[in-house]
Amino acid sequence: MLLKIYLKEIKDCFRDRRTLLLTVLLPVIMMTGLTFFYEKMISDGKGESYKLAVNESFDRELAGIFTSYKNIELVHSANPAKTLQDGKVQAALILDPNFSSNIENGEKATVTIIGDSFSQKSSNLNNIVQNVLGVYEKSIISERMQAKGTDPNLVEPITIEQKEMSDQNPNANLIAMLIPLILAIAIGVGSGPAASDLFAGEKEKKTMEALLMTPVKRSTLLFSKWLTIATVGSVTGIITLLVVALEINLLTENLKKAVSFGDNVVVIIALAVLVSIIYAMFTASLLMLTSIIGKTVKESQSYSTPVMMLAMFPTMILSSIGINELSFQHFAVPILNLFSILKELIFGIIDYEHILVTFASNLVCMILLFIVGRILFLKDKWVMN
């Protein structure tokens, strides 16, 4: 009987075009947009063309320091700052009127770089200009010291080498926030309509009374409906993982370089799928309660919105925590442990103790939520309008 009810509910969910659209297509479109957004965000600007506004007195000698940057066009202007404000360039470089003479006389010269930190292209161009001027400044210092017979190394007694703790691509941390956030949102958006329809929808359509009159235990009905919500969420999560993985592998360059699982790729993917199923089951338990409490589909959706918003907090919590700083509590707290365990997997770390803690904590919470849902479902006050 449980299997029959479960298969019936699954068919009803995927027969409804509106639910199918919200369950599969919408999450995929959202995740595709987020994937390309993050790819654009971590782009280093290669292949982009830039326009830099400079003074009209900007001489050829200074222009020579930009010759190696073919993608930068120098735009001479009487007012470089105004040219930037008009949107004709991405940044402006303003030199002191006596810049060249001050350099020749060994005096201090002033350079002003104007840009827009809210614009990615402007920020990229600013970084390039600063690097170019930094190299130019070092060459001037070296020439001045050589002219006075001084070793240029005297002004740089210490050479600083900065290395990362691991050889992992720095953008891997961004992927470690992107994938769990995408997965959590997709599962919430996918299973939300099904959850609202299976309980609050039945009450709103006045079909719950007829359903309860059938010779089926309420516990069986409750479990079959919960299993349906969990299945829909799991399908959405797995499809989302596959789509995002394919898009990163085939359609992106920077994100692809950030992910490298080596020989553990099959194990990591299998564990990621298993984690997404566990999270879908946990989400199904929460959404089941919001749907039982809600008298209408609209009311149920209002209750379920905060549940979906909970996925935003782990992103903020873990964004500043290193992979080696994750501890027991990060894997013992539901929702947070999804982000924590996927962060480890994306960095190529397989810690079975953390995985067991994650599964156990979610299982305990699911059982408690299911018990609460069963108590509510056994009372006519919550299952009938």
Protein backbone atom coordinates (compact mmCIF):
# COMPACT_ATOMS: atom_id res chain seq x y z
CA MET A 1 0.00 0.00 0.00
CA LEU A 2 2.85 2.37 0.85
CA LEU A 3 4.46 1.78 -2.54
CA LYS A 4 1.18 2.37 -4.40
CA ILE A 5 0.51 5.65 -2.62
CA TYR A 6 4.12 6.73 -3.14
CA LEU A 7 4.04 5.98 -6.89
CA LYS A 8 0.69 7.78 -7.21
CA GLU A 9 2.03 10.91 -5.52
CA ILE A 10 5.19 10.84 -7.66
CA LYS A 11 3.14 10.58 -10.87
CA ASP A 12 0.92 13.45 -9.75
CA CYS A 13 3.96 15.63 -9.01
CA PHE A 14 5.65 15.08 -12.34
CA ARG A 15 2.38 15.16 -14.29
CA ASP A 16 1.76 18.76 -13.22
CA ARG A 17 3.63 21.00 -15.68
CA ARG A 18 3.78 23.89 -13.25
CA THR A 19 5.37 21.73 -10.57
CA LEU A 20 7.73 20.18 -13.10
CA LEU A 21 8.78 23.65 -14.23
CA LEU A 22 9.48 24.78 -10.67
CA THR A 23 11.07 21.47 -9.72
CA VAL A 24 13.54 20.93 -12.55
CA LEU A 25 13.76 23.73 -15.09
CA LEU A 26 13.79 26.77 -12.78
CA PRO A 27 16.58 25.48 -10.49
CA VAL A 28 18.71 24.53 -13.50
CA ILE A 29 18.28 28.00 -15.03
CA MET A 30 19.10 29.66 -11.70
CA MET A 31 22.20 27.54 -11.16
CA THR A 32 23.38 28.10 -14.72
CA GLY A 33 23.14 31.85 -14.18
CA LEU A 34 25.04 31.63 -10.88
CA THR A 35 27.76 29.46 -12.45
CA PHE A 36 28.46 31.96 -15.23
CA PHE A 37 28.23 34.85 -12.76
CA TYR A 38 30.97 33.34 -10.57
CA GLU A 39 33.05 32.49 -13.64
CA LYS A 40 32.87 36.13 -14.70
CA MET A 41 33.61 37.33 -11.18
CA ILE A 42 36.87 35.38 -10.81
CA SER A 43 38.04 36.20 -14.32
CA ASP A 44 41.43 37.90 -14.32
CA GLY A 45 40.47 40.12 -17.24
CA LYS A 46 42.48 38.33 -19.91
CA GLY A 47 40.97 38.81 -23.33
CA GLU A 48 39.19 41.98 -22.24
CA SER A 49 39.92 45.30 -23.92
CA TYR A 50 40.29 48.47 -21.87
CA LYS A 51 40.41 52.21 -22.43
CA LEU A 52 42.60 54.39 -20.20
CA ALA A 53 42.21 58.17 -20.21
CA VAL A 54 45.51 60.08 -19.92
CA ASN A 55 46.63 63.72 -20.08
CA GLU A 56 47.14 65.26 -23.48
CA SER A 57 50.75 65.86 -22.42
CA PHE A 58 51.29 62.13 -21.90
CA ASP A 59 54.54 61.69 -23.85
CA ARG A 60 55.69 58.74 -25.95
CA GLU A 61 58.28 57.62 -23.42
CA LEU A 62 55.64 57.07 -20.78
CA ALA A 63 53.29 55.49 -23.31
CA GLY A 64 56.04 52.94 -23.95
CA ILE A 65 55.51 51.34 -20.57
CA PHE A 66 52.10 50.14 -21.80
CA THR A 67 53.34 48.70 -25.12
CA SER A 68 53.29 45.13 -23.79
CA TYR A 69 49.59 45.50 -23.00
CA LYS A 70 47.93 45.33 -26.41
CA ASN A 71 44.47 45.28 -24.84
CA ILE A 72 44.85 48.77 -23.31
CA GLU A 73 44.00 51.77 -25.50
CA LEU A 74 45.28 55.15 -24.32
CA VAL A 75 42.72 57.91 -24.78
CA HIS A 76 44.27 61.40 -24.62
CA SER A 77 41.98 63.91 -23.00
CA ALA A 78 42.14 67.46 -21.64
CA ASN A 79 40.13 66.23 -18.64
CA PRO A 80 40.68 62.48 -18.03
CA ALA A 81 38.41 62.48 -14.95
CA LYS A 82 35.52 63.92 -17.00
CA THR A 83 36.13 61.36 -19.73
CA LEU A 84 35.84 58.61 -17.11
CA GLN A 85 32.63 60.07 -15.68
CA ASP A 86 31.14 60.14 -19.19
CA GLY A 87 31.71 56.38 -19.44
CA LYS A 88 34.08 56.58 -22.40
CA VAL A 89 36.93 54.86 -20.52
CA GLN A 90 37.28 52.44 -17.61
CA ALA A 91 39.95 54.39 -15.69
CA ALA A 92 41.92 57.63 -15.77
CA LEU A 93 45.63 58.25 -15.25
CA ILE A 94 46.53 61.83 -14.33
CA LEU A 95 50.20 62.83 -14.16
CA ASP A 96 51.76 65.79 -12.41
CA PRO A 97 52.33 68.60 -15.00
CA ASN A 98 56.06 68.42 -14.25
CA PHE A 99 56.13 64.63 -14.10
CA SER A 100 58.87 64.01 -16.69
CA SER A 101 61.12 66.84 -15.49
CA ASN A 102 60.80 65.74 -11.87
CA ILE A 103 61.79 62.21 -12.84
CA GLU A 104 64.82 63.49 -14.76
CA ASN A 105 65.90 65.74 -11.89
CA GLY A 106 65.55 62.99 -9.30
CA GLU A 107 62.61 64.66 -7.63
CA LYS A 108 59.31 63.21 -6.47
CA ALA A 109 56.55 62.95 -9.10
CA THR A 110 52.85 62.49 -8.47
CA VAL A 111 50.48 60.08 -10.26
CA THR A 112 46.73 59.87 -9.71
CA ILE A 113 44.69 56.83 -10.76
CA ILE A 114 40.92 57.25 -10.85
CA GLY A 115 38.64 54.25 -11.19
CA ASP A 116 35.38 52.68 -10.08
CA SER A 117 35.78 49.89 -7.51
CA PHE A 118 32.20 48.76 -8.22
CA SER A 119 33.11 47.98 -11.83
CA GLN A 120 35.03 44.78 -12.52
CA LYS A 121 36.61 46.10 -15.72
CA SER A 122 37.64 49.31 -13.99
CA SER A 123 39.12 47.34 -11.07
CA ASN A 124 41.04 45.08 -13.45
CA LEU A 125 42.41 48.06 -15.34
CA ASN A 126 43.39 49.80 -12.09
CA ASN A 127 45.36 46.72 -11.02
CA ILE A 128 47.13 46.56 -14.38
CA VAL A 129 48.05 50.27 -14.26
CA GLN A 130 49.35 49.94 -10.69
CA ASN A 131 51.50 46.96 -11.67
CA VAL A 132 52.88 48.81 -14.70
CA LEU A 133 53.71 51.89 -12.65
CA GLY A 134 55.27 49.70 -9.95
CA VAL A 135 57.63 48.14 -12.49
CA TYR A 136 58.39 51.59 -13.93
CA GLU A 137 59.13 52.93 -10.44
CA LYS A 138 61.59 50.12 -9.72
CA SER A 139 63.39 50.76 -13.01
CA ILE A 140 63.78 54.48 -12.10
CA ILE A 141 65.15 53.60 -8.65
CA SER A 142 67.61 51.16 -10.19
CA GLU A 143 68.83 53.75 -12.74
CA ARG A 144 69.29 56.42 -10.05
CA MET A 145 71.25 54.11 -7.77
CA GLN A 146 73.44 52.84 -10.59
CA ALA A 147 74.17 56.44 -11.59
CA LYS A 148 75.48 57.05 -8.06
CA GLY A 149 77.44 53.80 -8.01
CA THR A 150 75.16 52.11 -5.47
CA ASP A 151 74.00 48.53 -5.64
CA PRO A 152 70.20 48.50 -6.29
CA ASN A 153 69.85 45.45 -4.00
CA LEU A 154 70.53 47.71 -1.00
CA VAL A 155 66.99 49.09 -1.16
CA GLU A 156 65.52 45.56 -1.14
CA PRO A 157 67.30 43.68 1.65
CA ILE A 158 64.43 41.22 2.15
CA THR A 159 62.77 39.09 -0.51
CA ILE A 160 59.31 37.97 0.58
CA GLU A 161 57.92 34.73 -0.83
CA GLN A 162 54.30 33.95 -0.08
CA LYS A 163 53.02 30.40 -0.46
CA GLU A 164 49.64 28.79 0.09
CA MET A 165 49.24 26.00 2.64
CA SER A 166 48.10 23.69 -0.17
CA ASP A 167 48.64 23.65 -3.90
CA GLN A 168 44.88 23.98 -4.44
CA ASN A 169 43.70 26.76 -6.74
CA PRO A 170 42.65 29.81 -4.62
CA ASN A 171 39.34 29.90 -6.50
CA ALA A 172 38.48 26.49 -5.00
CA ASN A 173 37.19 28.32 -1.92
CA LEU A 174 34.73 30.19 -4.11
CA ILE A 175 33.58 26.89 -5.64
CA ALA A 176 33.23 25.50 -2.10
CA MET A 177 30.67 28.25 -1.38
CA LEU A 178 29.01 28.18 -4.79
CA ILE A 179 28.18 24.46 -5.06
CA PRO A 180 26.51 24.02 -1.62
CA LEU A 181 24.56 27.27 -2.03
CA ILE A 182 23.38 26.21 -5.48
CA LEU A 183 22.45 22.76 -4.19
CA ALA A 184 20.58 24.04 -1.13
CA ILE A 185 18.58 26.57 -3.14
CA ALA A 186 17.80 24.03 -5.88
CA ILE A 187 16.56 21.39 -3.42
CA GLY A 188 14.45 23.97 -1.57
CA VAL A 189 12.95 25.44 -4.75
CA GLY A 190 12.39 21.97 -6.21
CA SER A 191 10.72 20.27 -3.25
CA GLY A 192 8.79 23.33 -2.03
CA PRO A 193 5.87 23.16 -4.53
CA ALA A 194 5.47 19.40 -3.99
CA ALA A 195 5.42 19.80 -0.21
CA SER A 196 2.84 22.59 -0.34
CA ASP A 197 0.59 20.61 -2.68
CA LEU A 198 0.73 17.28 -0.83
CA PHE A 199 -0.59 18.58 2.49
CA ALA A 200 -1.85 22.18 2.32
CA GLY A 201 -3.02 21.61 -1.26
CA GLU A 202 -5.04 18.57 -0.23
CA LYS A 203 -6.69 20.59 2.55
CA GLU A 204 -7.40 23.53 0.27
CA LYS A 205 -8.97 21.28 -2.40
CA LYS A 206 -11.05 19.47 0.27
CA THR A 207 -9.60 16.09 -0.78
CA MET A 208 -7.81 15.36 2.49
CA GLU A 209 -11.04 14.20 4.18
CA ALA A 210 -11.68 11.65 1.44
CA LEU A 211 -8.09 10.49 1.62
CA LEU A 212 -8.31 9.94 5.38
CA MET A 213 -11.46 7.83 4.94
CA THR A 214 -9.55 5.20 2.98
CA PRO A 215 -8.42 2.09 4.92
CA VAL A 216 -4.84 3.33 5.11
CA LYS A 217 -3.04 4.28 8.30
CA ARG A 218 -2.25 7.95 8.68
CA SER A 219 1.35 7.06 9.38
CA THR A 220 1.55 5.32 6.02
CA LEU A 221 0.04 8.33 4.26
CA LEU A 222 2.42 10.66 6.06
CA PHE A 223 5.48 8.56 5.23
CA SER A 224 4.53 8.17 1.56
CA LYS A 225 4.01 11.92 1.17
CA TRP A 226 7.30 12.67 2.98
CA LEU A 227 9.07 10.15 0.76
CA THR A 228 7.60 11.85 -2.31
CA ILE A 229 8.88 15.27 -1.22
CA ALA A 230 12.31 13.79 -0.46
CA THR A 231 12.41 12.07 -3.86
CA VAL A 232 11.52 15.25 -5.73
CA GLY A 233 14.18 17.18 -3.78
CA SER A 234 16.77 14.45 -4.39
CA VAL A 235 16.05 14.38 -8.14
CA THR A 236 16.36 18.16 -8.28
CA GLY A 237 19.61 18.08 -6.31
CA ILE A 238 21.20 15.34 -8.43
CA ILE A 239 20.17 17.02 -11.71
CA THR A 240 21.54 20.33 -10.43
CA LEU A 241 24.86 18.74 -9.44
CA LEU A 242 25.19 17.08 -12.83
CA VAL A 243 24.28 20.23 -14.76
CA VAL A 244 26.64 22.44 -12.74
CA ALA A 245 29.45 19.87 -13.00
CA LEU A 246 29.02 19.64 -16.79
CA GLU A 247 28.84 23.43 -17.16
CA ILE A 248 31.97 23.96 -15.08
CA ASN A 249 33.83 21.25 -17.00
CA LEU A 250 32.71 22.22 -20.51
CA LEU A 251 31.75 25.90 -20.46
CA THR A 252 34.06 27.58 -17.95
CA GLU A 253 37.80 28.09 -17.75
CA ASN A 254 38.61 29.62 -14.36
CA LEU A 255 36.17 27.49 -12.36
CA LYS A 256 37.40 24.35 -14.12
CA LYS A 257 41.00 25.07 -13.10
CA ALA A 258 39.90 25.46 -9.48
CA VAL A 259 38.57 21.88 -9.22
CA SER A 260 40.87 18.86 -9.34
CA PHE A 261 39.91 15.64 -7.55
CA GLY A 262 42.67 13.43 -8.91
CA ASP A 263 42.08 9.70 -8.44
CA ASN A 264 39.22 10.25 -5.96
CA VAL A 265 36.84 11.79 -8.47
CA VAL A 266 34.37 8.86 -8.46
CA VAL A 267 34.29 8.60 -4.66
CA ILE A 268 33.89 12.36 -4.22
CA ILE A 269 31.04 12.56 -6.75
CA ALA A 270 29.29 9.58 -5.15
CA LEU A 271 29.59 11.14 -1.68
CA ALA A 272 28.35 14.51 -3.01
CA VAL A 273 25.26 12.80 -4.47
CA LEU A 274 24.68 10.93 -1.19
CA VAL A 275 25.01 14.17 0.80
CA SER A 276 22.52 15.90 -1.50
CA ILE A 277 20.02 13.06 -0.94
CA ILE A 278 20.43 13.30 2.85
CA TYR A 279 19.95 17.06 2.71
CA ALA A 280 16.86 16.61 0.50
CA MET A 281 15.40 14.26 3.11
CA PHE A 282 16.10 16.75 5.88
CA THR A 283 14.55 19.58 3.86
CA ALA A 284 11.53 17.37 3.13
CA SER A 285 10.98 16.94 6.87
CA LEU A 286 11.01 20.71 7.43
CA LEU A 287 8.76 21.46 4.45
CA MET A 288 6.37 18.71 5.50
CA LEU A 289 5.81 20.50 8.80
CA THR A 290 5.25 23.88 7.14
CA SER A 291 2.71 22.30 4.77
CA ILE A 292 0.85 20.49 7.59
CA ILE A 293 0.62 23.72 9.59
CA GLY A 294 -0.48 25.80 6.60
CA LYS A 295 -4.19 25.78 5.76
CA THR A 296 -3.66 26.83 2.16
CA VAL A 297 -0.89 26.49 -0.41
CA LYS A 298 -0.12 30.21 -0.13
CA GLU A 299 0.12 30.03 3.65
CA SER A 300 2.34 26.96 3.41
CA GLN A 301 4.67 28.73 0.99
CA SER A 302 4.89 31.67 3.37
CA TYR A 303 6.02 29.33 6.14
CA SER A 304 8.51 27.52 3.89
CA THR A 305 10.27 30.69 2.69
CA PRO A 306 12.34 31.11 5.90
CA VAL A 307 13.38 27.44 5.59
CA MET A 308 14.92 28.13 2.18
CA MET A 309 16.58 31.31 3.47
CA LEU A 310 18.44 29.32 6.13
CA ALA A 311 20.90 28.23 3.45
CA MET A 312 22.27 31.78 3.27
CA PHE A 313 23.75 31.74 6.79
CA PRO A 314 26.26 28.87 6.34
CA THR A 315 27.69 30.72 3.34
CA MET A 316 28.47 33.73 5.52
CA ILE A 317 29.75 31.62 8.42
CA LEU A 318 32.13 29.43 6.38
CA SER A 319 33.35 32.08 3.93
CA SER A 320 36.10 33.16 6.35
CA ILE A 321 36.94 29.72 7.78
CA GLY A 322 39.84 27.74 6.35
CA ILE A 323 39.48 24.09 5.40
CA ASN A 324 41.83 23.07 8.25
CA GLU A 325 39.76 25.06 10.79
CA LEU A 326 36.58 23.01 10.39
CA SER A 327 35.72 21.21 13.63
CA PHE A 328 33.07 18.88 15.07
CA GLN A 329 30.33 21.51 15.42
CA HIS A 330 30.52 22.40 11.74
CA PHE A 331 29.49 18.84 10.88
CA ALA A 332 27.01 18.35 13.74
CA VAL A 333 24.69 21.25 12.86
CA PRO A 334 22.20 20.46 10.04
CA ILE A 335 22.36 22.69 6.94
CA LEU A 336 25.76 23.99 8.10
CA ASN A 337 27.16 20.48 7.75
CA LEU A 338 26.08 20.34 4.10
CA PHE A 339 28.31 23.30 3.32
CA SER A 340 31.12 21.97 5.52
CA ILE A 341 31.23 18.46 4.07
CA LEU A 342 30.95 19.70 0.47
CA LYS A 343 33.74 22.19 1.15
CA GLU A 344 35.98 19.32 2.21
CA LEU A 345 35.00 17.22 -0.80
CA ILE A 346 35.66 20.08 -3.23
CA PHE A 347 39.14 20.45 -1.73
CA GLY A 348 39.64 16.73 -2.33
CA ILE A 349 39.45 15.79 1.37
CA ILE A 350 37.54 12.62 2.31
CA ASP A 351 37.10 12.44 6.08
CA TYR A 352 34.77 9.53 6.90
CA GLU A 353 34.42 10.63 10.53
CA HIS A 354 33.04 13.99 9.41
CA ILE A 355 30.78 12.24 6.91
CA LEU A 356 29.36 9.94 9.60
CA VAL A 357 28.79 12.88 11.96
CA THR A 358 26.96 14.72 9.16
CA PHE A 359 24.75 11.75 8.33
CA ALA A 360 24.02 10.99 12.01
CA SER A 361 23.06 14.57 12.90
CA ASN A 362 20.75 14.87 9.90
CA LEU A 363 19.21 11.47 10.64
CA VAL A 364 18.49 12.41 14.27
CA CYS A 365 16.89 15.71 13.20
CA MET A 366 14.85 13.97 10.51
CA ILE A 367 13.48 11.45 13.02
CA LEU A 368 12.55 14.21 15.48
CA LEU A 369 10.87 16.29 12.77
CA PHE A 370 9.03 13.25 11.46
CA ILE A 371 7.76 12.44 14.97
CA VAL A 372 6.46 16.01 15.33
CA GLY A 373 4.85 15.77 11.89
CA ARG A 374 3.21 12.46 12.79
CA ILE A 375 1.79 13.94 15.99
CA LEU A 376 0.29 16.84 14.03
CA PHE A 377 -0.98 14.61 11.23
CA LEU A 378 -2.83 12.36 13.69
CA LYS A 379 -4.90 15.35 14.86
CA ASP A 380 -7.82 16.48 12.71
CA LYS A 381 -7.12 20.06 13.73
CA TRP A 382 -4.03 20.14 11.47
CA VAL A 383 -5.13 17.93 8.57
CA MET A 384 -8.57 19.34 7.83
CA ASN A 385 -9.76 22.91 7.33
